[in-house]
Amino acid sequence: MIKGVLFDMDGVLVDSERFIARAAIMMFEELGVQVKPEDFHPFVGTGENRYLGGVAEKYGITVDLPK
């Protein structure tokens, strides 16, 4: 018998934002672009595609998100 279900909606139980930003910064570094953690602030909570895509747009680059 299930007595409960617990969902962590990314940030509810663990503040993972700095880790996600660091991973994204590393991804951009691999593309030869230096970004800053504060570049991501306007896109927090907008979903992964907008989070990465918004910063890519800011720097005028195209990112193949599925890849």
PDB file of N, CA and C in Angstrom:
ATOM      1  N   MET A   1       0.841  -1.179   0.000  1.00  0.00           N
ATOM      2  CA  MET A   1       0.000   0.000   0.000  1.00  0.00           C
ATOM      3  C   MET A   1       0.889   1.247   0.000  1.00  0.00           C
ATOM      4  N   ILE A   2       0.670   2.110  -0.970  1.00  0.00           N
ATOM      5  CA  ILE A   2       1.421   3.365  -1.057  1.00  0.00           C
ATOM      6  C   ILE A   2       0.827   4.356  -0.068  1.00  0.00           C
ATOM      7  N   LYS A   3       1.698   4.924   0.772  1.00  0.00           N
ATOM      8  CA  LYS A   3       1.230   5.888   1.769  1.00  0.00           C
ATOM      9  C   LYS A   3       1.535   7.327   1.379  1.00  0.00           C
ATOM     10  N   GLY A   4       2.381   7.480   0.384  1.00  0.00           N
ATOM     11  CA  GLY A   4       2.702   8.837  -0.056  1.00  0.00           C
ATOM     12  C   GLY A   4       3.645   8.817  -1.243  1.00  0.00           C
ATOM     13  N   VAL A   5       3.649   9.915  -1.937  1.00  0.00           N
ATOM     14  CA  VAL A   5       4.539  10.098  -3.080  1.00  0.00           C
ATOM     15  C   VAL A   5       5.189  11.460  -2.913  1.00  0.00           C
ATOM     16  N   LEU A   6       6.487  11.505  -3.141  1.00  0.00           N
ATOM     17  CA  LEU A   6       7.230  12.740  -2.972  1.00  0.00           C
ATOM     18  C   LEU A   6       7.845  13.151  -4.307  1.00  0.00           C
ATOM     19  N   PHE A   7       7.556  14.359  -4.743  1.00  0.00           N
ATOM     20  CA  PHE A   7       8.125  14.888  -5.974  1.00  0.00           C
ATOM     21  C   PHE A   7       9.034  16.059  -5.627  1.00  0.00           C
ATOM     22  N   ASP A   8      10.217  16.094  -6.190  1.00  0.00           N
ATOM     23  CA  ASP A   8      11.101  17.248  -6.051  1.00  0.00           C
ATOM     24  C   ASP A   8      11.060  17.987  -7.378  1.00  0.00           C
ATOM     25  N   MET A   9      10.409  19.114  -7.406  1.00  0.00           N
ATOM     26  CA  MET A   9      10.238  19.875  -8.641  1.00  0.00           C
ATOM     27  C   MET A   9      11.425  20.811  -8.857  1.00  0.00           C
ATOM     28  N   ASP A  10      12.626  20.250  -8.803  1.00  0.00           N
ATOM     29  CA  ASP A  10      13.888  20.954  -9.017  1.00  0.00           C
ATOM     30  C   ASP A  10      13.954  22.281  -8.274  1.00  0.00           C
ATOM     31  N   GLY A  11      14.454  22.209  -7.089  1.00  0.00           N
ATOM     32  CA  GLY A  11      14.603  23.395  -6.277  1.00  0.00           C
ATOM     33  C   GLY A  11      13.705  23.403  -5.059  1.00  0.00           C
ATOM     34  N   VAL A  12      12.753  22.492  -5.013  1.00  0.00           N
ATOM     35  CA  VAL A  12      11.841  22.441  -3.880  1.00  0.00           C
ATOM     36  C   VAL A  12      12.550  21.875  -2.647  1.00  0.00           C
ATOM     37  N   LEU A  13      13.211  20.749  -2.813  1.00  0.00           N
ATOM     38  CA  LEU A  13      13.901  20.118  -1.689  1.00  0.00           C
ATOM     39  C   LEU A  13      15.385  20.433  -1.670  1.00  0.00           C
ATOM     40  N   VAL A  14      15.970  20.605  -2.832  1.00  0.00           N
ATOM     41  CA  VAL A  14      17.398  20.874  -2.946  1.00  0.00           C
ATOM     42  C   VAL A  14      17.600  22.074  -3.859  1.00  0.00           C
ATOM     43  N   ASP A  15      18.361  23.040  -3.401  1.00  0.00           N
ATOM     44  CA  ASP A  15      18.662  24.203  -4.230  1.00  0.00           C
ATOM     45  C   ASP A  15      19.781  23.816  -5.199  1.00  0.00           C
ATOM     46  N   SER A  16      19.393  23.386  -6.385  1.00  0.00           N
ATOM     47  CA  SER A  16      20.348  22.859  -7.363  1.00  0.00           C
ATOM     48  C   SER A  16      20.748  23.889  -8.419  1.00  0.00           C
ATOM     49  N   GLU A  17      20.266  25.103  -8.296  1.00  0.00           N
ATOM     50  CA  GLU A  17      20.488  26.111  -9.332  1.00  0.00           C
ATOM     51  C   GLU A  17      21.969  26.345  -9.630  1.00  0.00           C
ATOM     52  N   ARG A  18      22.795  26.447  -8.616  1.00  0.00           N
ATOM     53  CA  ARG A  18      24.221  26.721  -8.867  1.00  0.00           C
ATOM     54  C   ARG A  18      24.897  25.579  -9.600  1.00  0.00           C
ATOM     55  N   PHE A  19      24.449  24.338  -9.357  1.00  0.00           N
ATOM     56  CA  PHE A  19      25.025  23.187 -10.042  1.00  0.00           C
ATOM     57  C   PHE A  19      24.597  23.147 -11.511  1.00  0.00           C
ATOM     58  N   ILE A  20      23.340  23.487 -11.749  1.00  0.00           N
ATOM     59  CA  ILE A  20      22.828  23.533 -13.114  1.00  0.00           C
ATOM     60  C   ILE A  20      23.540  24.642 -13.896  1.00  0.00           C
ATOM     61  N   ALA A  21      23.704  25.803 -13.259  1.00  0.00           N
ATOM     62  CA  ALA A  21      24.397  26.912 -13.920  1.00  0.00           C
ATOM     63  C   ALA A  21      25.840  26.526 -14.229  1.00  0.00           C
ATOM     64  N   ARG A  22      26.508  25.851 -13.315  1.00  0.00           N
ATOM     65  CA  ARG A  22      27.905  25.452 -13.543  1.00  0.00           C
ATOM     66  C   ARG A  22      28.002  24.478 -14.725  1.00  0.00           C
ATOM     67  N   ALA A  23      27.087  23.526 -14.784  1.00  0.00           N
ATOM     68  CA  ALA A  23      27.081  22.580 -15.903  1.00  0.00           C
ATOM     69  C   ALA A  23      26.844  23.315 -17.220  1.00  0.00           C
ATOM     70  N   ALA A  24      25.949  24.292 -17.212  1.00  0.00           N
ATOM     71  CA  ALA A  24      25.664  25.063 -18.424  1.00  0.00           C
ATOM     72  C   ALA A  24      26.874  25.902 -18.825  1.00  0.00           C
ATOM     73  N   ILE A  25      27.554  26.482 -17.855  1.00  0.00           N
ATOM     74  CA  ILE A  25      28.761  27.260 -18.136  1.00  0.00           C
ATOM     75  C   ILE A  25      29.814  26.366 -18.780  1.00  0.00           C
ATOM     76  N   MET A  26      29.961  25.147 -18.277  1.00  0.00           N
ATOM     77  CA  MET A  26      30.915  24.196 -18.856  1.00  0.00           C
ATOM     78  C   MET A  26      30.527  23.843 -20.294  1.00  0.00           C
ATOM     79  N   MET A  27      29.227  23.704 -20.543  1.00  0.00           N
ATOM     80  CA  MET A  27      28.771  23.406 -21.896  1.00  0.00           C
ATOM     81  C   MET A  27      29.130  24.544 -22.843  1.00  0.00           C
ATOM     82  N   PHE A  28      28.882  25.785 -22.398  1.00  0.00           N
ATOM     83  CA  PHE A  28      29.215  26.933 -23.238  1.00  0.00           C
ATOM     84  C   PHE A  28      30.724  27.051 -23.448  1.00  0.00           C
ATOM     85  N   GLU A  29      31.511  26.716 -22.434  1.00  0.00           N
ATOM     86  CA  GLU A  29      32.968  26.728 -22.583  1.00  0.00           C
ATOM     87  C   GLU A  29      33.403  25.767 -23.684  1.00  0.00           C
ATOM     88  N   GLU A  30      32.759  24.599 -23.760  1.00  0.00           N
ATOM     89  CA  GLU A  30      33.073  23.635 -24.815  1.00  0.00           C
ATOM     90  C   GLU A  30      32.764  24.203 -26.200  1.00  0.00           C
ATOM     91  N   LEU A  31      31.838  25.155 -26.247  1.00  0.00           N
ATOM     92  CA  LEU A  31      31.481  25.810 -27.510  1.00  0.00           C
ATOM     93  C   LEU A  31      32.349  27.045 -27.770  1.00  0.00           C
ATOM     94  N   GLY A  32      33.275  27.321 -26.843  1.00  0.00           N
ATOM     95  CA  GLY A  32      34.170  28.458 -26.997  1.00  0.00           C
ATOM     96  C   GLY A  32      33.585  29.784 -26.558  1.00  0.00           C
ATOM     97  N   VAL A  33      32.541  29.741 -25.722  1.00  0.00           N
ATOM     98  CA  VAL A  33      31.875  30.958 -25.262  1.00  0.00           C
ATOM     99  C   VAL A  33      31.985  31.039 -23.739  1.00  0.00           C
ATOM    100  N   GLN A  34      32.448  32.180 -23.247  1.00  0.00           N
ATOM    101  CA  GLN A  34      32.551  32.401 -21.810  1.00  0.00           C
ATOM    102  C   GLN A  34      31.293  33.129 -21.324  1.00  0.00           C
ATOM    103  N   VAL A  35      30.501  32.459 -20.495  1.00  0.00           N
ATOM    104  CA  VAL A  35      29.298  33.071 -19.928  1.00  0.00           C
ATOM    105  C   VAL A  35      29.460  33.165 -18.420  1.00  0.00           C
ATOM    106  N   LYS A  36      28.598  33.952 -17.793  1.00  0.00           N
ATOM    107  CA  LYS A  36      28.653  34.170 -16.352  1.00  0.00           C
ATOM    108  C   LYS A  36      27.394  33.612 -15.685  1.00  0.00           C
ATOM    109  N   PRO A  37      27.493  33.213 -14.432  1.00  0.00           N
ATOM    110  CA  PRO A  37      26.305  32.693 -13.732  1.00  0.00           C
ATOM    111  C   PRO A  37      25.123  33.652 -13.779  1.00  0.00           C
ATOM    112  N   GLU A  38      25.371  34.942 -13.692  1.00  0.00           N
ATOM    113  CA  GLU A  38      24.271  35.906 -13.694  1.00  0.00           C
ATOM    114  C   GLU A  38      23.561  35.997 -15.042  1.00  0.00           C
ATOM    115  N   ASP A  39      24.195  35.495 -16.104  1.00  0.00           N
ATOM    116  CA  ASP A  39      23.528  35.467 -17.410  1.00  0.00           C
ATOM    117  C   ASP A  39      22.277  34.589 -17.384  1.00  0.00           C
ATOM    118  N   PHE A  40      22.243  33.628 -16.490  1.00  0.00           N
ATOM    119  CA  PHE A  40      21.130  32.681 -16.421  1.00  0.00           C
ATOM    120  C   PHE A  40      19.958  33.185 -15.570  1.00  0.00           C
ATOM    121  N   HIS A  41      20.191  34.194 -14.735  1.00  0.00           N
ATOM    122  CA  HIS A  41      19.159  34.655 -13.791  1.00  0.00           C
ATOM    123  C   HIS A  41      17.814  34.955 -14.444  1.00  0.00           C
ATOM    124  N   PRO A  42      17.772  35.652 -15.594  1.00  0.00           N
ATOM    125  CA  PRO A  42      16.456  35.949 -16.185  1.00  0.00           C
ATOM    126  C   PRO A  42      15.698  34.708 -16.659  1.00  0.00           C
ATOM    127  N   PHE A  43      16.392  33.578 -16.756  1.00  0.00           N
ATOM    128  CA  PHE A  43      15.784  32.378 -17.340  1.00  0.00           C
ATOM    129  C   PHE A  43      15.510  31.274 -16.322  1.00  0.00           C
ATOM    130  N   VAL A  44      15.752  31.556 -15.056  1.00  0.00           N
ATOM    131  CA  VAL A  44      15.483  30.572 -14.006  1.00  0.00           C
ATOM    132  C   VAL A  44      13.984  30.281 -13.971  1.00  0.00           C
ATOM    133  N   GLY A  45      13.635  29.003 -13.983  1.00  0.00           N
ATOM    134  CA  GLY A  45      12.238  28.598 -13.905  1.00  0.00           C
ATOM    135  C   GLY A  45      11.517  28.585 -15.249  1.00  0.00           C
ATOM    136  N   THR A  46      12.237  28.822 -16.340  1.00  0.00           N
ATOM    137  CA  THR A  46      11.594  28.886 -17.649  1.00  0.00           C
ATOM    138  C   THR A  46      11.739  27.594 -18.439  1.00  0.00           C
ATOM    139  N   GLY A  47      12.391  26.613 -17.868  1.00  0.00           N
ATOM    140  CA  GLY A  47      12.614  25.345 -18.555  1.00  0.00           C
ATOM    141  C   GLY A  47      14.001  25.299 -19.173  1.00  0.00           C
ATOM    142  N   GLU A  48      14.480  24.093 -19.374  1.00  0.00           N
ATOM    143  CA  GLU A  48      15.853  23.891 -19.846  1.00  0.00           C
ATOM    144  C   GLU A  48      16.123  24.548 -21.202  1.00  0.00           C
ATOM    145  N   ASN A  49      15.186  24.415 -22.135  1.00  0.00           N
ATOM    146  CA  ASN A  49      15.398  24.982 -23.467  1.00  0.00           C
ATOM    147  C   ASN A  49      15.557  26.496 -23.417  1.00  0.00           C
ATOM    148  N   ARG A  50      14.718  27.160 -22.652  1.00  0.00           N
ATOM    149  CA  ARG A  50      14.811  28.629 -22.552  1.00  0.00           C
ATOM    150  C   ARG A  50      16.001  29.036 -21.693  1.00  0.00           C
ATOM    151  N   TYR A  51      16.293  28.276 -20.669  1.00  0.00           N
ATOM    152  CA  TYR A  51      17.424  28.559 -19.773  1.00  0.00           C
ATOM    153  C   TYR A  51      18.727  28.598 -20.576  1.00  0.00           C
ATOM    154  N   LEU A  52      18.957  27.577 -21.391  1.00  0.00           N
ATOM    155  CA  LEU A  52      20.163  27.521 -22.217  1.00  0.00           C
ATOM    156  C   LEU A  52      20.028  28.395 -23.463  1.00  0.00           C
ATOM    157  N   GLY A  53      18.863  28.327 -24.091  1.00  0.00           N
ATOM    158  CA  GLY A  53      18.638  29.079 -25.312  1.00  0.00           C
ATOM    159  C   GLY A  53      18.671  30.586 -25.112  1.00  0.00           C
ATOM    160  N   GLY A  54      18.177  31.049 -23.981  1.00  0.00           N
ATOM    161  CA  GLY A  54      18.186  32.482 -23.697  1.00  0.00           C
ATOM    162  C   GLY A  54      19.600  33.030 -23.594  1.00  0.00           C
ATOM    163  N   VAL A  55      20.465  32.283 -22.931  1.00  0.00           N
ATOM    164  CA  VAL A  55      21.862  32.713 -22.804  1.00  0.00           C
ATOM    165  C   VAL A  55      22.554  32.615 -24.161  1.00  0.00           C
ATOM    166  N   ALA A  56      22.255  31.579 -24.905  1.00  0.00           N
ATOM    167  CA  ALA A  56      22.834  31.439 -26.253  1.00  0.00           C
ATOM    168  C   ALA A  56      22.438  32.634 -27.120  1.00  0.00           C
ATOM    169  N   GLU A  57      21.170  33.026 -27.064  1.00  0.00           N
ATOM    170  CA  GLU A  57      20.706  34.185 -27.830  1.00  0.00           C
ATOM    171  C   GLU A  57      21.445  35.447 -27.420  1.00  0.00           C
ATOM    172  N   LYS A  58      21.651  35.612 -26.131  1.00  0.00           N
ATOM    173  CA  LYS A  58      22.349  36.790 -25.609  1.00  0.00           C
ATOM    174  C   LYS A  58      23.730  36.923 -26.238  1.00  0.00           C
ATOM    175  N   TYR A  59      24.391  35.795 -26.439  1.00  0.00           N
ATOM    176  CA  TYR A  59      25.741  35.796 -26.990  1.00  0.00           C
ATOM    177  C   TYR A  59      25.761  35.562 -28.504  1.00  0.00           C
ATOM    178  N   GLY A  60      24.572  35.509 -29.122  1.00  0.00           N
ATOM    179  CA  GLY A  60      24.474  35.402 -30.566  1.00  0.00           C
ATOM    180  C   GLY A  60      24.962  34.075 -31.132  1.00  0.00           C
ATOM    181  N   ILE A  61      24.742  33.012 -30.373  1.00  0.00           N
ATOM    182  CA  ILE A  61      25.137  31.693 -30.880  1.00  0.00           C
ATOM    183  C   ILE A  61      23.926  30.774 -30.965  1.00  0.00           C
ATOM    184  N   THR A  62      24.052  29.747 -31.762  1.00  0.00           N
ATOM    185  CA  THR A  62      23.006  28.744 -31.899  1.00  0.00           C
ATOM    186  C   THR A  62      23.460  27.493 -31.170  1.00  0.00           C
ATOM    187  N   VAL A  63      22.580  26.948 -30.366  1.00  0.00           N
ATOM    188  CA  VAL A  63      22.880  25.729 -29.611  1.00  0.00           C
ATOM    189  C   VAL A  63      21.912  24.635 -30.069  1.00  0.00           C
ATOM    190  N   ASP A  64      22.446  23.483 -30.410  1.00  0.00           N
ATOM    191  CA  ASP A  64      21.628  22.331 -30.780  1.00  0.00           C
ATOM    192  C   ASP A  64      21.248  21.621 -29.476  1.00  0.00           C
ATOM    193  N   LEU A  65      20.132  22.019 -28.896  1.00  0.00           N
ATOM    194  CA  LEU A  65      19.748  21.511 -27.570  1.00  0.00           C
ATOM    195  C   LEU A  65      19.543  20.006 -27.521  1.00  0.00           C
ATOM    196  N   PRO A  66      18.899  19.380 -28.509  1.00  0.00           N
ATOM    197  CA  PRO A  66      18.782  17.917 -28.435  1.00  0.00           C
ATOM    198  C   PRO A  66      20.138  17.210 -28.396  1.00  0.00           C
ATOM    199  N   LYS A  67      21.126  17.783 -29.087  1.00  0.00           N
ATOM    200  CA  LYS A  67      22.460  17.182 -29.112  1.00  0.00           C
ATOM    201  C   LYS A  67      23.106  17.310 -27.758  1.00  0.00           C
TER     202      LYS A  67
END
